[in-house]
Protein backbone atom coordinates (compact mmCIF):
# COMPACT_ATOMS: atom_id res chain seq x y z
CA MET A 1 -0.02 -0.06 0.04
CA THR A 2 1.40 3.47 -0.89
CA ALA A 3 1.99 5.87 1.91
CA ALA A 4 -0.07 8.96 2.08
CA ALA A 5 1.29 12.10 0.04
CA PRO A 6 3.06 14.55 2.10
CA THR A 7 1.24 17.79 2.52
CA LEU A 8 2.42 20.92 0.51
CA SER A 9 2.07 24.25 2.28
CA ARG A 10 1.35 27.45 0.40
CA SER A 11 4.99 28.39 0.93
CA HIS A 12 6.32 25.39 -1.03
CA ASP A 13 9.15 24.69 1.26
CA HIS A 14 11.96 23.11 -0.65
CA THR A 15 12.08 20.04 1.72
CA GLU A 16 8.39 19.51 1.25
CA ILE A 17 8.70 19.55 -2.52
CA GLU A 18 11.45 17.06 -2.47
CA ASP A 19 9.51 14.73 -0.10
CA PHE A 20 6.60 15.10 -2.38
CA ALA A 21 8.59 14.14 -5.39
CA ARG A 22 10.15 11.21 -3.81
CA TRP A 23 6.73 10.09 -2.74
CA LEU A 24 5.36 10.58 -6.24
CA ALA A 25 8.14 8.44 -7.78
CA ALA A 26 7.78 5.68 -5.16
CA ALA A 27 4.06 5.59 -5.67
CA GLY A 28 4.48 4.96 -9.27
CA ASP A 29 3.09 8.50 -10.13
CA VAL A 30 -0.29 7.95 -8.66
CA LEU A 31 -1.38 11.17 -9.96
CA GLY A 32 -1.34 9.83 -13.52
CA THR A 33 1.59 11.54 -15.25
CA GLY A 34 2.23 14.27 -12.64
CA GLU A 35 0.46 16.86 -14.68
CA GLN A 36 -1.86 17.78 -11.84
CA LEU A 37 1.11 18.72 -9.63
CA LEU A 38 2.68 20.73 -12.44
CA ARG A 39 -0.51 22.60 -13.30
CA HIS A 40 -1.25 23.28 -9.75
CA PRO A 41 -1.66 26.88 -9.25
CA GLU A 42 1.33 27.05 -6.75
CA SER A 43 3.52 24.85 -8.81
CA PRO A 44 7.24 26.14 -8.34
CA ALA A 45 8.84 28.14 -11.14
CA PRO A 46 12.40 27.70 -12.31
CA GLU A 47 13.20 31.24 -11.33
CA THR A 48 11.89 31.05 -7.81
CA ASP A 49 12.58 27.52 -6.83
CA PRO A 50 14.86 25.68 -9.33
CA ALA A 51 15.78 22.87 -6.84
CA ALA A 52 12.08 22.00 -6.58
CA VAL A 53 11.63 21.96 -10.39
CA ARG A 54 14.58 19.70 -10.63
CA GLU A 55 13.21 17.28 -8.10
CA LEU A 56 9.73 17.38 -9.91
CA GLY A 57 11.55 16.50 -13.24
CA ARG A 58 13.55 13.69 -11.38
CA ALA A 59 10.19 12.38 -10.01
CA HIS A 60 8.79 12.34 -13.45
CA LEU A 61 11.79 10.42 -14.82
CA TRP A 62 11.71 7.99 -12.07
CA SER A 63 8.02 7.43 -12.27
CA GLY A 64 8.43 6.32 -16.02
CA ASP A 65 7.65 9.57 -17.88
CA PRO A 66 10.75 10.76 -19.55
CA ARG A 67 8.79 13.02 -21.93
CA LEU A 68 7.26 14.95 -19.09
CA ALA A 69 10.56 15.15 -17.28
CA LEU A 70 12.16 16.58 -20.27
CA GLU A 71 9.33 19.14 -20.54
CA THR A 72 9.61 19.99 -16.92
CA LEU A 73 13.35 20.56 -17.04
CA ALA A 74 13.60 22.43 -20.20
CA PRO A 75 12.58 25.73 -18.75
CA LEU A 76 15.05 25.18 -15.94
CA HIS A 77 17.76 24.51 -18.32
CA ARG A 78 17.05 27.59 -20.26
CA SER A 79 17.44 29.74 -17.08
CA ARG A 80 20.27 27.93 -15.68
CA PRO A 81 22.13 26.40 -18.59
CA TRP A 82 25.36 25.69 -16.55
CA ASP A 83 23.50 23.33 -14.22
CA ARG A 84 25.04 19.99 -14.85
CA GLU A 85 22.56 17.98 -12.78
CA VAL A 86 19.73 19.34 -14.84
CA GLN A 87 21.55 18.51 -17.99
CA TYR A 88 22.25 15.07 -16.91
CA LEU A 89 18.58 14.42 -16.01
CA MET A 90 17.64 15.74 -19.31
CA LEU A 91 20.07 13.35 -21.11
CA ASP A 92 18.62 10.44 -18.99
CA ALA A 93 15.21 11.41 -20.34
CA LEU A 94 16.33 11.71 -23.96
CA PHE A 95 18.19 8.52 -23.97
CA LEU A 96 15.05 6.76 -22.48
CA LEU A 97 13.04 8.19 -25.18
CA GLY A 98 15.42 6.57 -27.73
CA ARG A 99 16.94 9.83 -28.70
CA SER A 100 20.53 11.17 -28.21
CA GLU A 101 22.11 14.53 -27.07
CA THR A 102 22.05 15.86 -30.59
CA ASP A 103 18.24 15.60 -30.68
CA TYR A 104 17.78 18.60 -28.43
CA PRO A 105 18.32 22.38 -28.77
CA TRP A 106 20.67 23.04 -25.83
CA THR A 107 21.22 26.41 -24.41
CA ALA A 108 24.75 25.07 -23.24
CA GLU A 109 25.55 21.55 -24.54
CA PRO A 110 26.52 19.02 -22.01
CA PRO A 111 29.71 17.01 -22.20
CA VAL A 112 28.89 13.52 -23.23
CA VAL A 113 31.55 10.60 -22.86
CA ARG A 114 31.29 7.43 -24.93
CA VAL A 115 33.53 4.38 -25.17
CA GLY A 116 36.17 5.03 -27.77
CA PRO A 117 39.79 5.81 -28.41
CA PRO A 118 39.76 9.04 -26.32
CA LEU A 119 38.29 7.46 -23.24
CA LEU A 120 40.41 4.34 -23.50
CA GLU A 121 43.52 6.62 -23.78
CA LEU A 122 42.48 8.54 -20.62
CA PHE A 123 42.11 5.29 -18.70
CA HIS A 124 45.47 4.05 -19.92
CA ARG A 125 47.26 7.42 -18.68
CA LEU A 126 45.46 7.16 -15.37
CA LEU A 127 46.28 3.46 -14.66
CA ALA A 128 49.86 3.84 -15.84
CA ARG A 129 50.55 6.87 -13.77
CA GLU A 130 48.90 5.38 -10.67
CA GLY A 131 50.69 1.96 -11.09
CA ARG A 132 47.62 0.36 -9.54
CA PRO A 133 44.70 -1.59 -10.91
CA ALA A 134 41.14 -0.20 -10.81
CA THR A 135 37.72 -1.76 -11.25
CA VAL A 136 35.48 -1.03 -14.12
CA PHE A 137 33.24 0.78 -11.65
CA ASP A 138 36.12 3.06 -10.82
CA LEU A 139 36.62 3.72 -14.48
CA VAL A 140 32.97 4.47 -14.96
CA LEU A 141 33.29 7.11 -12.17
CA ALA A 142 36.36 8.53 -13.71
CA ALA A 143 34.47 8.86 -17.06
CA ALA A 144 31.58 10.64 -15.23
CA ALA A 145 34.09 13.23 -14.08
CA GLU A 146 34.75 14.17 -17.68
CA GLY A 147 31.00 14.33 -18.74
CA TYR A 148 27.79 12.15 -18.87
CA PRO A 149 28.82 8.49 -19.35
CA ALA A 150 26.44 7.52 -22.38
CA PHE A 151 27.49 3.69 -22.04
CA GLN A 152 27.05 0.79 -20.00
CA ALA A 153 29.64 -1.07 -17.78
CA GLN A 154 29.48 -4.14 -20.05
CA GLU A 155 30.28 -2.01 -23.20
CA LEU A 156 33.35 -0.63 -21.34
CA LEU A 157 34.47 -4.00 -20.24
CA GLU A 158 34.30 -5.49 -23.59
CA ALA A 159 36.36 -2.59 -24.97
CA LEU A 160 38.94 -2.96 -22.41
CA GLU A 161 39.32 -6.62 -23.03
CA VAL A 162 40.20 -6.27 -26.74
CA ASP A 163 42.51 -3.38 -26.11
CA ARG A 164 46.02 -4.81 -25.91
CA ARG A 165 47.22 -2.14 -23.53
CA PHE A 166 45.03 -3.49 -20.73
CA THR A 167 44.79 -6.83 -18.65
CA VAL A 168 41.37 -7.49 -17.50
CA ARG A 169 40.35 -9.91 -14.77
CA ARG A 170 36.66 -10.67 -14.41
CA SER A 171 35.38 -10.76 -10.83
CA GLY A 172 31.97 -12.38 -10.71
CA LEU A 173 29.03 -11.83 -13.00
CA ALA A 174 28.89 -8.12 -12.62
CA PRO A 175 31.03 -6.07 -15.21
CA GLU A 176 31.68 -3.30 -12.68
CA GLY A 177 33.75 -5.62 -10.46
CA ALA A 178 36.32 -6.56 -13.22
CA VAL A 179 39.72 -5.47 -12.32
CA VAL A 180 41.73 -3.59 -15.01
CA VAL A 181 45.42 -2.74 -15.17
CA VAL A 182 47.86 -1.71 -17.93
CA ARG A 183 49.69 -4.57 -19.30
CA ASP A 184 53.10 -3.43 -17.82
CA HIS A 185 51.87 -4.10 -14.39
CA ASN A 186 50.69 -7.19 -12.37
CA ILE A 187 47.07 -7.37 -11.11
CA PRO A 188 47.48 -7.52 -7.34
CA ASP A 189 44.56 -8.11 -4.94
CA ILE A 190 42.92 -4.64 -4.50
CA ARG A 191 40.58 -3.05 -2.10
CA ARG A 192 37.75 -0.51 -3.03
CA ARG A 193 38.95 2.96 -3.03
CA LYS A 194 37.68 6.42 -3.72
CA ILE A 195 38.06 7.69 -7.20
CA GLY A 196 39.64 10.71 -6.13
CA GLN A 197 42.88 8.63 -5.38
CA MET A 198 43.01 7.66 -8.98
CA THR A 199 42.54 11.11 -10.43
CA GLU A 200 44.93 13.11 -8.05
């Protein structure tokens, strides 16, 4: 049974909006497509409460309506084109709609990272410099520091396995756990570490 919706005050406190957005997503968007909330006379505006609008867009995305998420976030992107979190939510929506970043008229284009020679070269430099192995999960996080990672861990794993500069040891079924090292180095047992250690 779905919990009761949190109450929204007339002041639209930011915490209340976020609580409502999370409830909306968890409830499977019991308001239909969320349009009732967006068309409510007191719906937050991008200029006055950008965080609330962002969370409403996220709720639409999580509740399975990427088109409405994109429509919700578009005005926020126009007023705050530098907001990377909004750009990434919009990219999530575009990809769920079967489109790509080139199918949207961005005010400021977000950086998008794909598996290919530039990314593999970046990983080779990072791993060679560190002299330590990393997991595929670590490398996905490193890619995210460069831009929106428009790929799955499995795709990255397969590219690393065919690149002769790397040695890859799979660890279980999940591709994220595979251990990667440049071929000049052995693969010792490793412990999980923060990505900041790899990019310093």
